[in-house]
N, C-alpha and C. Protein backbone atom coordinates (compact mmCIF):
# COMPACT_ATOMS: atom_id res chain seq x y z
N MET A 1 167.24 133.46 98.60
CA MET A 1 168.37 134.17 98.02
C MET A 1 168.08 135.67 98.08
N ASN A 2 169.06 136.44 98.52
CA ASN A 2 168.86 137.88 98.62
C ASN A 2 169.09 138.58 97.29
N ASP A 3 168.77 139.86 97.25
CA ASP A 3 168.88 140.65 96.03
C ASP A 3 170.32 140.71 95.53
N ILE A 4 171.27 140.83 96.44
CA ILE A 4 172.68 140.88 96.04
C ILE A 4 173.06 139.59 95.32
N ALA A 5 172.68 138.45 95.85
CA ALA A 5 173.00 137.17 95.23
C ALA A 5 172.35 137.05 93.85
N ARG A 6 171.11 137.48 93.71
CA ARG A 6 170.43 137.43 92.40
C ARG A 6 171.15 138.30 91.38
N ARG A 7 171.49 139.50 91.79
CA ARG A 7 172.20 140.40 90.87
C ARG A 7 173.58 139.86 90.53
N LEU A 8 174.25 139.28 91.49
CA LEU A 8 175.57 138.69 91.25
C LEU A 8 175.47 137.51 90.30
N GLU A 9 174.42 136.72 90.42
CA GLU A 9 174.20 135.62 89.47
C GLU A 9 174.13 136.14 88.05
N GLY A 10 173.44 137.27 87.87
CA GLY A 10 173.35 137.87 86.54
C GLY A 10 174.71 138.30 86.00
N CYS A 11 175.56 138.80 86.88
CA CYS A 11 176.91 139.19 86.48
C CYS A 11 177.70 137.96 86.01
N PHE A 12 177.62 136.88 86.79
CA PHE A 12 178.30 135.64 86.41
C PHE A 12 177.75 135.10 85.10
N ALA A 13 176.44 135.15 84.93
CA ALA A 13 175.81 134.63 83.70
C ALA A 13 176.27 135.41 82.48
N ALA A 14 176.54 136.70 82.64
CA ALA A 14 177.02 137.51 81.52
C ALA A 14 178.41 137.09 81.07
N VAL A 15 179.23 136.66 82.02
CA VAL A 15 180.61 136.25 81.70
C VAL A 15 180.70 134.77 81.38
N PHE A 16 179.90 133.97 82.06
CA PHE A 16 179.92 132.51 81.89
C PHE A 16 178.52 132.01 81.52
N PRO A 17 178.05 132.31 80.31
CA PRO A 17 176.66 131.98 79.94
C PRO A 17 176.38 130.47 79.89
N HIS A 18 177.41 129.65 79.84
CA HIS A 18 177.22 128.20 79.77
C HIS A 18 176.93 127.57 81.14
N LEU A 19 177.08 128.33 82.22
CA LEU A 19 176.85 127.77 83.56
C LEU A 19 175.38 127.86 83.96
N SER A 20 174.90 126.83 84.60
CA SER A 20 173.54 126.84 85.14
C SER A 20 173.54 127.68 86.42
N PRO A 21 172.36 128.09 86.89
CA PRO A 21 172.32 128.84 88.15
C PRO A 21 172.99 128.09 89.31
N GLU A 22 172.83 126.78 89.36
CA GLU A 22 173.47 125.99 90.41
C GLU A 22 174.98 126.02 90.28
N GLN A 23 175.47 125.92 89.04
CA GLN A 23 176.92 125.98 88.81
C GLN A 23 177.47 127.36 89.14
N ILE A 24 176.70 128.39 88.85
CA ILE A 24 177.14 129.75 89.17
C ILE A 24 177.31 129.89 90.67
N ARG A 25 176.33 129.46 91.44
CA ARG A 25 176.41 129.61 92.91
C ARG A 25 177.54 128.80 93.51
N ALA A 26 177.99 127.75 92.83
CA ALA A 26 179.10 126.92 93.32
C ALA A 26 180.43 127.30 92.67
N ALA A 27 180.42 128.30 91.79
CA ALA A 27 181.60 128.62 90.99
C ALA A 27 182.78 129.08 91.83
N ARG A 28 183.92 128.52 91.48
CA ARG A 28 185.22 128.89 92.04
C ARG A 28 186.17 128.95 90.86
N ILE A 29 187.19 129.77 90.95
CA ILE A 29 188.11 129.91 89.83
C ILE A 29 188.69 128.54 89.43
N GLU A 30 188.87 127.66 90.40
CA GLU A 30 189.44 126.33 90.12
C GLU A 30 188.44 125.40 89.45
N SER A 31 187.15 125.67 89.57
CA SER A 31 186.14 124.73 89.06
C SER A 31 185.53 125.15 87.73
N VAL A 32 185.86 126.34 87.26
CA VAL A 32 185.30 126.84 85.99
C VAL A 32 186.46 127.00 85.00
N PRO A 33 186.59 126.06 84.04
CA PRO A 33 187.72 126.12 83.12
C PRO A 33 187.84 127.45 82.36
N ALA A 34 186.73 128.09 82.08
CA ALA A 34 186.76 129.35 81.33
C ALA A 34 187.16 130.54 82.19
N TRP A 35 187.29 130.35 83.50
CA TRP A 35 187.60 131.45 84.40
C TRP A 35 189.11 131.66 84.43
N ASP A 36 189.57 132.57 83.57
CA ASP A 36 190.98 132.90 83.50
C ASP A 36 191.17 134.36 83.90
N SER A 37 192.37 134.89 83.70
CA SER A 37 192.63 136.27 84.13
C SER A 37 191.77 137.28 83.38
N THR A 38 191.54 137.04 82.11
CA THR A 38 190.71 137.96 81.32
C THR A 38 189.26 137.94 81.82
N SER A 39 188.73 136.76 82.05
CA SER A 39 187.35 136.70 82.54
C SER A 39 187.24 137.22 83.97
N SER A 40 188.30 137.11 84.76
CA SER A 40 188.29 137.70 86.11
C SER A 40 188.13 139.21 86.02
N VAL A 41 188.91 139.83 85.16
CA VAL A 41 188.83 141.29 85.00
C VAL A 41 187.45 141.68 84.48
N THR A 42 186.95 140.95 83.51
CA THR A 42 185.62 141.23 82.95
C THR A 42 184.55 141.08 84.03
N LEU A 43 184.60 139.99 84.78
CA LEU A 43 183.62 139.74 85.83
C LEU A 43 183.65 140.85 86.87
N LEU A 44 184.83 141.22 87.33
CA LEU A 44 184.93 142.26 88.36
C LEU A 44 184.47 143.61 87.84
N ALA A 45 184.70 143.89 86.55
CA ALA A 45 184.21 145.14 85.96
C ALA A 45 182.68 145.14 85.91
N ILE A 46 182.09 144.02 85.53
CA ILE A 46 180.63 143.92 85.46
C ILE A 46 180.02 144.02 86.86
N VAL A 47 180.64 143.35 87.83
CA VAL A 47 180.15 143.42 89.21
C VAL A 47 180.26 144.86 89.73
N GLY A 48 181.38 145.49 89.47
CA GLY A 48 181.56 146.88 89.90
C GLY A 48 180.52 147.80 89.31
N GLU A 49 180.23 147.62 88.02
CA GLU A 49 179.22 148.44 87.35
C GLU A 49 177.83 148.16 87.91
N GLU A 50 177.51 146.89 88.09
CA GLU A 50 176.19 146.49 88.59
C GLU A 50 175.91 147.07 89.97
N PHE A 51 176.94 147.06 90.82
CA PHE A 51 176.74 147.48 92.21
C PHE A 51 177.25 148.89 92.49
N GLY A 52 177.81 149.54 91.49
CA GLY A 52 178.26 150.92 91.65
C GLY A 52 179.41 151.08 92.62
N ILE A 53 180.32 150.08 92.62
CA ILE A 53 181.47 150.15 93.51
C ILE A 53 182.74 149.79 92.75
N SER A 54 183.87 150.13 93.32
CA SER A 54 185.16 149.67 92.81
C SER A 54 185.61 148.53 93.71
N LEU A 55 185.88 147.40 93.10
CA LEU A 55 186.35 146.27 93.89
C LEU A 55 187.84 146.41 94.11
N ASP A 56 188.27 146.10 95.30
CA ASP A 56 189.67 146.21 95.69
C ASP A 56 190.45 145.07 95.06
N LEU A 57 191.27 145.39 94.06
CA LEU A 57 192.01 144.35 93.36
C LEU A 57 193.07 143.70 94.24
N ASP A 58 193.38 144.30 95.38
CA ASP A 58 194.27 143.66 96.35
C ASP A 58 193.57 142.46 97.00
N SER A 59 192.28 142.37 96.81
CA SER A 59 191.49 141.28 97.39
C SER A 59 191.16 140.20 96.35
N LEU A 60 191.98 140.08 95.31
CA LEU A 60 191.66 139.13 94.23
C LEU A 60 191.49 137.70 94.74
N GLU A 61 192.28 137.29 95.70
CA GLU A 61 192.13 135.93 96.21
C GLU A 61 190.74 135.73 96.82
N GLU A 62 190.28 136.73 97.54
CA GLU A 62 188.94 136.70 98.14
C GLU A 62 187.86 136.71 97.06
N LEU A 63 188.17 137.29 95.91
CA LEU A 63 187.19 137.47 94.83
C LEU A 63 187.30 136.38 93.77
N SER A 64 187.67 135.18 94.18
CA SER A 64 187.88 134.09 93.22
C SER A 64 186.80 133.00 93.31
N SER A 65 185.64 133.37 93.84
CA SER A 65 184.51 132.44 93.87
C SER A 65 183.22 133.26 93.99
N PHE A 66 182.11 132.63 93.64
CA PHE A 66 180.82 133.29 93.81
C PHE A 66 180.63 133.68 95.26
N ASP A 67 180.90 132.73 96.17
CA ASP A 67 180.71 132.99 97.60
C ASP A 67 181.62 134.11 98.09
N GLY A 68 182.86 134.13 97.61
CA GLY A 68 183.79 135.18 98.02
C GLY A 68 183.36 136.56 97.56
N ILE A 69 182.90 136.65 96.32
CA ILE A 69 182.44 137.94 95.80
C ILE A 69 181.16 138.35 96.53
N HIS A 70 180.28 137.39 96.78
CA HIS A 70 179.04 137.69 97.51
C HIS A 70 179.36 138.22 98.91
N ALA A 71 180.27 137.57 99.61
CA ALA A 71 180.66 138.02 100.96
C ALA A 71 181.27 139.42 100.90
N TYR A 72 182.11 139.66 99.91
CA TYR A 72 182.72 140.98 99.74
C TYR A 72 181.64 142.05 99.56
N LEU A 73 180.66 141.75 98.70
CA LEU A 73 179.58 142.70 98.46
C LEU A 73 178.75 142.92 99.72
N MET A 74 178.46 141.87 100.43
CA MET A 74 177.68 141.99 101.67
C MET A 74 178.40 142.89 102.67
N ASN A 75 179.73 142.77 102.74
CA ASN A 75 180.51 143.58 103.66
C ASN A 75 180.65 145.03 103.21
N HIS A 76 180.59 145.27 101.91
CA HIS A 76 180.84 146.62 101.40
C HIS A 76 179.60 147.41 101.02
N ILE A 77 178.50 146.72 100.76
CA ILE A 77 177.30 147.48 100.41
C ILE A 77 176.10 147.11 101.26
N GLY A 78 176.25 146.11 102.10
CA GLY A 78 175.18 145.76 103.02
C GLY A 78 174.25 144.70 102.49
N ASN A 79 173.29 144.39 103.28
CA ASN A 79 172.32 143.32 102.98
C ASN A 79 171.03 143.93 102.51
N ASP A 80 170.75 143.76 101.21
CA ASP A 80 169.51 144.28 100.63
C ASP A 80 168.34 143.40 100.99
């Protein structure tokens, strides 16, 4: 697991503390009952702060899973 994925796991854990690391890595908006619009905004704010970027809210569909957010970060900040 790369540094971006580890840091992203921490962001997810802050918003969804009940999820295990395995559940976090498999998380999708459809599979996490607590993942609603409020937690989406909170998660994206935490991710933005952690990585020092502004996430493009026009890409919300892309940002609706751990894998999607990870791919977005890889494309926008590179591979640590």
